PDB file of N, CA and C in Angstrom:
ATOM      1  N   MET A   1      10.933  15.026 -19.228  1.00  0.00           N
ATOM      2  CA  MET A   1      10.341  15.965 -18.399  1.00  0.00           C
ATOM      3  C   MET A   1       9.572  15.267 -17.410  1.00  0.00           C
ATOM      4  N   LEU A   2       8.678  14.271 -17.988  1.00  0.00           N
ATOM      5  CA  LEU A   2       7.895  13.361 -17.020  1.00  0.00           C
ATOM      6  C   LEU A   2       8.721  12.661 -15.803  1.00  0.00           C
ATOM      7  N   ASP A   3       9.854  12.174 -16.491  1.00  0.00           N
ATOM      8  CA  ASP A   3      10.601  11.283 -15.691  1.00  0.00           C
ATOM      9  C   ASP A   3      11.334  12.068 -14.528  1.00  0.00           C
ATOM     10  N   ASN A   4      11.404  13.432 -14.911  1.00  0.00           N
ATOM     11  CA  ASN A   4      12.276  14.349 -13.715  1.00  0.00           C
ATOM     12  C   ASN A   4      11.269  14.541 -12.700  1.00  0.00           C
ATOM     13  N   VAL A   5       9.613  14.890 -13.367  1.00  0.00           N
ATOM     14  CA  VAL A   5       8.444  15.052 -12.475  1.00  0.00           C
ATOM     15  C   VAL A   5       8.153  13.786 -11.425  1.00  0.00           C
ATOM     16  N   ARG A   6       8.440  12.741 -12.005  1.00  0.00           N
ATOM     17  CA  ARG A   6       8.365  11.489 -11.354  1.00  0.00           C
ATOM     18  C   ARG A   6       9.556  11.302 -10.024  1.00  0.00           C
ATOM     19  N   LYS A   7      10.705  11.823 -10.614  1.00  0.00           N
ATOM     20  CA  LYS A   7      11.661  11.679  -9.473  1.00  0.00           C
ATOM     21  C   LYS A   7      11.299  12.754  -8.371  1.00  0.00           C
ATOM     22  N   VAL A   8      11.160  13.724  -8.592  1.00  0.00           N
ATOM     23  CA  VAL A   8      10.782  15.013  -7.618  1.00  0.00           C
ATOM     24  C   VAL A   8       9.706  14.087  -6.721  1.00  0.00           C
ATOM     25  N   LEU A   9       8.802  13.826  -7.223  1.00  0.00           N
ATOM     26  CA  LEU A   9       7.610  13.166  -6.259  1.00  0.00           C
ATOM     27  C   LEU A   9       7.890  12.240  -5.622  1.00  0.00           C
ATOM     28  N   ILE A  10       8.991  11.480  -6.109  1.00  0.00           N
ATOM     29  CA  ILE A  10       9.338  10.374  -5.186  1.00  0.00           C
ATOM     30  C   ILE A  10      10.098  10.686  -4.005  1.00  0.00           C
ATOM     31  N   TYR A  11      10.907  11.470  -4.562  1.00  0.00           N
ATOM     32  CA  TYR A  11      11.907  12.238  -3.386  1.00  0.00           C
ATOM     33  C   TYR A  11      11.150  12.978  -2.476  1.00  0.00           C
ATOM     34  N   LEU A  12       9.858  13.752  -2.762  1.00  0.00           N
ATOM     35  CA  LEU A  12       9.031  14.220  -1.509  1.00  0.00           C
ATOM     36  C   LEU A  12       8.320  13.433  -0.791  1.00  0.00           C
ATOM     37  N   ALA A  13       7.786  12.308  -1.439  1.00  0.00           N
ATOM     38  CA  ALA A  13       7.107  11.149  -0.690  1.00  0.00           C
ATOM     39  C   ALA A  13       8.341  10.781   0.336  1.00  0.00           C
ATOM     40  N   LEU A  14       9.193  10.437  -0.087  1.00  0.00           N
ATOM     41  CA  LEU A  14      10.223   9.787   0.768  1.00  0.00           C
ATOM     42  C   LEU A  14      10.982  10.571   1.659  1.00  0.00           C
ATOM     43  N   ALA A  15      10.783  12.083   1.803  1.00  0.00           N
ATOM     44  CA  ALA A  15      11.211  12.692   2.563  1.00  0.00           C
ATOM     45  C   ALA A  15       9.818  12.888   3.676  1.00  0.00           C
ATOM     46  N   PHE A  16       8.621  12.942   3.156  1.00  0.00           N
ATOM     47  CA  PHE A  16       7.576  12.989   3.963  1.00  0.00           C
ATOM     48  C   PHE A  16       7.553  12.019   4.957  1.00  0.00           C
ATOM     49  N   VAL A  17       7.985  10.591   4.577  1.00  0.00           N
ATOM     50  CA  VAL A  17       7.815   9.665   5.540  1.00  0.00           C
ATOM     51  C   VAL A  17       9.121   9.557   6.532  1.00  0.00           C
ATOM     52  N   ILE A  18      10.173  10.221   5.768  1.00  0.00           N
ATOM     53  CA  ILE A  18      11.329  10.303   6.702  1.00  0.00           C
ATOM     54  C   ILE A  18      10.844  11.305   8.068  1.00  0.00           C
ATOM     55  N   VAL A  19      10.490  12.368   7.522  1.00  0.00           N
ATOM     56  CA  VAL A  19       9.831  13.627   8.764  1.00  0.00           C
ATOM     57  C   VAL A  19       8.812  12.860   9.390  1.00  0.00           C
ATOM     58  N   SER A  20       8.036  12.210   8.944  1.00  0.00           N
ATOM     59  CA  SER A  20       6.946  11.549   9.668  1.00  0.00           C
ATOM     60  C   SER A  20       7.285  10.512  10.683  1.00  0.00           C
ATOM     61  N   VAL A  21       8.352   9.857  10.372  1.00  0.00           N
ATOM     62  CA  VAL A  21       8.690   8.748  11.392  1.00  0.00           C
ATOM     63  C   VAL A  21       9.682   9.528  12.316  1.00  0.00           C
ATOM     64  N   TRP A  22      10.182  10.406  11.707  1.00  0.00           N
ATOM     65  CA  TRP A  22      11.048  11.330  12.983  1.00  0.00           C
ATOM     66  C   TRP A  22      10.029  12.017  14.032  1.00  0.00           C
ATOM     67  N   HIS A  23       9.317  12.494  13.565  1.00  0.00           N
ATOM     68  CA  HIS A  23       8.436  13.270  14.197  1.00  0.00           C
ATOM     69  C   HIS A  23       7.576  12.338  15.196  1.00  0.00           C
ATOM     70  N   ASP A  24       6.782  11.275  15.065  1.00  0.00           N
ATOM     71  CA  ASP A  24       6.004  10.430  15.512  1.00  0.00           C
ATOM     72  C   ASP A  24       6.381   9.139  15.097  1.00  0.00           C
ATOM     73  N   PRO A  25       7.203   8.271  15.739  1.00  0.00           N
ATOM     74  CA  PRO A  25       7.547   7.074  15.196  1.00  0.00           C
ATOM     75  C   PRO A  25       6.410   6.123  15.618  1.00  0.00           C
ATOM     76  N   GLN A  26       5.746   6.065  16.564  1.00  0.00           N
ATOM     77  CA  GLN A  26       4.878   5.239  16.887  1.00  0.00           C
ATOM     78  C   GLN A  26       3.443   5.349  16.173  1.00  0.00           C
ATOM     79  N   GLY A  27       3.077   6.801  16.093  1.00  0.00           N
ATOM     80  CA  GLY A  27       2.092   7.104  14.975  1.00  0.00           C
ATOM     81  C   GLY A  27       2.364   6.572  13.856  1.00  0.00           C
ATOM     82  N   SER A  28       3.269   6.773  13.189  1.00  0.00           N
ATOM     83  CA  SER A  28       4.005   6.312  11.676  1.00  0.00           C
ATOM     84  C   SER A  28       3.823   4.722  11.601  1.00  0.00           C
ATOM     85  N   ALA A  29       4.426   4.187  12.778  1.00  0.00           N
ATOM     86  CA  ALA A  29       4.184   2.573  12.647  1.00  0.00           C
ATOM     87  C   ALA A  29       2.576   2.103  12.648  1.00  0.00           C
ATOM     88  N   GLY A  30       1.844   2.580  13.445  1.00  0.00           N
ATOM     89  CA  GLY A  30       0.545   2.356  13.616  1.00  0.00           C
ATOM     90  C   GLY A  30      -0.331   2.613  12.029  1.00  0.00           C
ATOM     91  N   ALA A  31       0.055   4.000  11.428  1.00  0.00           N
ATOM     92  CA  ALA A  31      -0.392   4.064  10.149  1.00  0.00           C
ATOM     93  C   ALA A  31      -0.274   3.036   9.261  1.00  0.00           C
ATOM     94  N   ALA A  32       1.332   2.740   9.200  1.00  0.00           N
ATOM     95  CA  ALA A  32       1.750   1.924   8.288  1.00  0.00           C
ATOM     96  C   ALA A  32       1.224   0.423   8.553  1.00  0.00           C
ATOM     97  N   GLY A  33       0.949   0.087   9.871  1.00  0.00           N
ATOM     98  CA  GLY A  33       0.303  -1.362  10.030  1.00  0.00           C
ATOM     99  C   GLY A  33      -1.083  -1.125   9.562  1.00  0.00           C
ATOM    100  N   THR A  34      -1.727  -0.527   9.978  1.00  0.00           N
ATOM    101  CA  THR A  34      -3.017  -0.354   9.212  1.00  0.00           C
ATOM    102  C   THR A  34      -3.265  -0.378   7.927  1.00  0.00           C
ATOM    103  N   PHE A  35      -2.455   0.312   7.243  1.00  0.00           N
ATOM    104  CA  PHE A  35      -2.288   0.443   5.778  1.00  0.00           C
ATOM    105  C   PHE A  35      -2.018  -1.024   5.216  1.00  0.00           C
ATOM    106  N   LEU A  36      -1.015  -1.552   5.675  1.00  0.00           N
ATOM    107  CA  LEU A  36      -0.671  -2.997   5.218  1.00  0.00           C
ATOM    108  C   LEU A  36      -1.929  -4.034   5.344  1.00  0.00           C
ATOM    109  N   HIS A  37      -2.217  -3.956   6.567  1.00  0.00           N
ATOM    110  CA  HIS A  37      -3.319  -4.567   7.034  1.00  0.00           C
ATOM    111  C   HIS A  37      -4.475  -4.564   6.049  1.00  0.00           C
ATOM    112  N   THR A  38      -4.764  -3.446   5.587  1.00  0.00           N
ATOM    113  CA  THR A  38      -5.893  -3.186   4.634  1.00  0.00           C
ATOM    114  C   THR A  38      -5.329  -3.677   3.338  1.00  0.00           C
ATOM    115  N   VAL A  39      -4.389  -3.643   3.030  1.00  0.00           N
ATOM    116  CA  VAL A  39      -3.964  -4.039   1.556  1.00  0.00           C
ATOM    117  C   VAL A  39      -3.853  -5.421   1.697  1.00  0.00           C
ATOM    118  N   GLY A  40      -3.354  -5.931   2.539  1.00  0.00           N
ATOM    119  CA  GLY A  40      -3.430  -7.579   2.749  1.00  0.00           C
ATOM    120  C   GLY A  40      -4.723  -8.080   2.516  1.00  0.00           C
ATOM    121  N   GLY A  41      -5.862  -7.286   3.362  1.00  0.00           N
ATOM    122  CA  GLY A  41      -7.004  -7.876   3.455  1.00  0.00           C
ATOM    123  C   GLY A  41      -7.645  -7.729   1.797  1.00  0.00           C
ATOM    124  N   PHE A  42      -7.303  -6.832   1.138  1.00  0.00           N
ATOM    125  CA  PHE A  42      -7.709  -6.332  -0.284  1.00  0.00           C
ATOM    126  C   PHE A  42      -7.331  -7.767  -1.002  1.00  0.00           C
ATOM    127  N   PHE A  43      -5.980  -8.075  -0.895  1.00  0.00           N
ATOM    128  CA  PHE A  43      -5.505  -8.672  -1.922  1.00  0.00           C
ATOM    129  C   PHE A  43      -5.921 -10.345  -1.337  1.00  0.00           C
ATOM    130  N   SER A  44      -6.252 -10.670   0.014  1.00  0.00           N
ATOM    131  CA  SER A  44      -6.804 -11.958   0.317  1.00  0.00           C
ATOM    132  C   SER A  44      -8.331 -12.066  -0.142  1.00  0.00           C
ATOM    133  N   ALA A  45      -8.898 -11.164  -0.088  1.00  0.00           N
ATOM    134  CA  ALA A  45     -10.531 -11.001  -0.374  1.00  0.00           C
ATOM    135  C   ALA A  45     -10.158 -11.247  -2.188  1.00  0.00           C
ATOM    136  N   LEU A  46      -9.548 -10.418  -2.780  1.00  0.00           N
ATOM    137  CA  LEU A  46      -9.422 -10.780  -4.172  1.00  0.00           C
ATOM    138  C   LEU A  46      -8.973 -12.134  -4.600  1.00  0.00           C
ATOM    139  N   LEU A  47      -8.052 -13.036  -3.762  1.00  0.00           N
ATOM    140  CA  LEU A  47      -7.675 -14.227  -4.087  1.00  0.00           C
ATOM    141  C   LEU A  47      -8.801 -15.249  -3.927  1.00  0.00           C
ATOM    142  N   ASP A  48      -9.469 -14.917  -2.738  1.00  0.00           N
ATOM    143  CA  ASP A  48     -10.586 -15.831  -2.518  1.00  0.00           C
ATOM    144  C   ASP A  48     -11.506 -15.682  -3.518  1.00  0.00           C
ATOM    145  N   LYS A  49     -12.200 -14.447  -3.924  1.00  0.00           N
ATOM    146  CA  LYS A  49     -13.244 -14.139  -4.834  1.00  0.00           C
ATOM    147  C   LYS A  49     -12.981 -14.652  -6.166  1.00  0.00           C
ATOM    148  N   SER A  50     -11.669 -14.756  -6.760  1.00  0.00           N
ATOM    149  CA  SER A  50     -11.328 -15.254  -8.044  1.00  0.00           C
ATOM    150  C   SER A  50     -11.225 -16.439  -7.987  1.00  0.00           C
ATOM    151  N   THR A  51     -10.531 -17.233  -6.838  1.00  0.00           N
ATOM    152  CA  THR A  51     -10.639 -18.503  -6.735  1.00  0.00           C
ATOM    153  C   THR A  51     -12.229 -19.130  -6.899  1.00  0.00           C
ATOM    154  N   LYS A  52     -13.200 -18.524  -6.169  1.00  0.00           N
ATOM    155  CA  LYS A  52     -14.649 -18.769  -6.294  1.00  0.00           C
ATOM    156  C   LYS A  52     -14.920 -18.528  -7.674  1.00  0.00           C
ATOM    157  N   PHE A  53     -14.743 -17.637  -8.429  1.00  0.00           N
ATOM    158  CA  PHE A  53     -15.202 -17.197  -9.904  1.00  0.00           C
ATOM    159  C   PHE A  53     -14.555 -18.283 -10.658  1.00  0.00           C
ATOM    160  N   LEU A  54     -13.243 -18.595 -10.498  1.00  0.00           N
ATOM    161  CA  LEU A  54     -12.824 -19.475 -11.365  1.00  0.00           C
ATOM    162  C   LEU A  54     -13.311 -21.122 -11.235  1.00  0.00           C
ATOM    163  N   LYS A  55     -13.920 -21.553  -9.931  1.00  0.00           N
ATOM    164  CA  LYS A  55     -14.270 -22.758  -9.612  1.00  0.00           C
ATOM    165  C   LYS A  55     -15.656 -22.693 -10.167  1.00  0.00           C
ATOM    166  N   GLY A  56     -16.579 -21.555 -10.123  1.00  0.00           N
ATOM    167  CA  GLY A  56     -18.074 -21.437 -10.896  1.00  0.00           C
ATOM    168  C   GLY A  56     -17.842 -21.630 -12.367  1.00  0.00           C
ATOM    169  N   LEU A  57     -16.693 -21.369 -12.888  1.00  0.00           N
ATOM    170  CA  LEU A  57     -16.618 -21.347 -14.462  1.00  0.00           C
ATOM    171  C   LEU A  57     -16.495 -22.818 -14.818  1.00  0.00           C
ATOM    172  N   ALA A  58     -15.887 -23.605 -13.864  1.00  0.00           N
ATOM    173  CA  ALA A  58     -15.652 -24.951 -14.190  1.00  0.00           C
ATOM    174  C   ALA A  58     -16.718 -26.131 -14.141  1.00  0.00           C
ATOM    175  N   ASN A  59     -17.529 -25.650 -13.118  1.00  0.00           N
ATOM    176  CA  ASN A  59     -19.065 -26.226 -13.000  1.00  0.00           C
ATOM    177  C   ASN A  59     -19.910 -26.165 -14.086  1.00  0.00           C
TER     178      ASN A  59
END
C-alpha cells in the first residue's frame, strides 16, 4: 500500500516538473539553479562546521 502511494507521488512530482519546464523553461531553470545553489551552500557550510568541530575536539 505504502509503496503504491510512494510511486503515485513520484509520478505526480515528475509530471509537475515536466509541465513546469514545458510552460516556463527559463523560470524553471532559474528556480532549479537557486535550489541547487542553496543545497550546495548548505552542504558546504555543514562540511566546514563539521571540520571545525572535529579540529576543536582534537585540541
